[in-house]
Amino acid sequence: MTGDRFEKVYAQGMMTVMEIWVDRETGVHYIWHASGYAGGFSPLLDQDGKVVVTPVAK
């Protein structure tokens, strides 16, 4: 994912990758995990199962 809407705020790994992205318009955090040729992208949840959201300045 590239462009101005999303910002990568965390990354670790090279063969097995885990990244956290923030949607600049909604403040929703997403997690991207990839290993080999497989990967997945999902909203990041807190310990209560709620979506992690950072307030966005309008």
Protein backbone atom coordinates (compact mmCIF):
# COMPACT_ATOMS: atom_id res chain seq x y z
CA MET A 1 0.00 0.00 0.00
CA THR A 2 1.37 3.34 -0.94
CA GLY A 3 0.17 6.87 -1.39
CA ASP A 4 -0.82 9.67 0.92
CA ARG A 5 -3.79 8.02 2.63
CA PHE A 6 -1.85 5.38 4.59
CA GLU A 7 1.23 5.80 6.75
CA LYS A 8 3.45 2.93 7.88
CA VAL A 9 4.14 3.47 11.59
CA TYR A 10 5.88 0.19 12.47
CA ALA A 11 7.77 -2.54 10.62
CA GLN A 12 9.80 -5.56 11.62
CA GLY A 13 11.27 -8.54 9.82
CA MET A 14 12.51 -9.35 6.35
CA MET A 15 11.44 -12.92 5.53
CA THR A 16 8.46 -12.80 7.86
CA VAL A 17 7.14 -9.25 7.88
CA MET A 18 4.81 -7.50 10.32
CA GLU A 19 3.78 -3.89 9.70
CA ILE A 20 1.27 -1.49 11.23
CA TRP A 21 -0.38 1.08 8.94
CA VAL A 22 -2.62 4.01 9.89
CA ASP A 23 -5.35 5.38 7.63
CA ARG A 24 -4.81 9.16 7.72
CA GLU A 25 -8.48 9.85 6.89
CA THR A 26 -10.15 7.62 9.51
CA GLY A 27 -7.37 7.02 12.06
CA VAL A 28 -7.95 3.24 11.90
CA HIS A 29 -4.83 1.09 12.47
CA TYR A 30 -4.23 -1.99 10.29
CA ILE A 31 -1.80 -4.88 10.67
CA TRP A 32 -0.06 -6.50 7.70
CA HIS A 33 1.66 -9.86 8.19
CA ALA A 34 3.46 -11.68 5.39
CA SER A 35 5.51 -14.85 5.26
CA GLY A 36 6.86 -16.17 1.98
CA TYR A 37 4.17 -15.80 -0.70
CA ALA A 38 1.27 -15.45 1.77
CA GLY A 39 0.07 -12.37 3.60
CA GLY A 40 -2.89 -10.80 5.32
CA PHE A 41 -4.19 -7.31 6.09
CA SER A 42 -6.67 -6.70 8.91
CA PRO A 43 -7.81 -3.95 11.29
CA LEU A 44 -5.68 -3.94 14.45
CA LEU A 45 -7.69 -4.84 17.57
CA ASP A 46 -7.01 -3.93 21.19
CA GLN A 47 -7.26 -6.29 24.18
CA ASP A 48 -11.07 -5.81 24.27
CA GLY A 49 -11.51 -6.70 20.58
CA LYS A 50 -12.17 -3.10 19.52
CA VAL A 51 -10.52 -1.50 16.49
CA VAL A 52 -7.54 0.71 17.38
CA VAL A 53 -8.25 4.28 16.22
CA THR A 54 -6.14 7.42 16.55
CA PRO A 55 -8.11 10.70 16.52
CA VAL A 56 -7.63 12.57 13.24
CA ALA A 57 -7.33 16.36 13.10
CA LYS A 58 -9.66 17.80 10.47
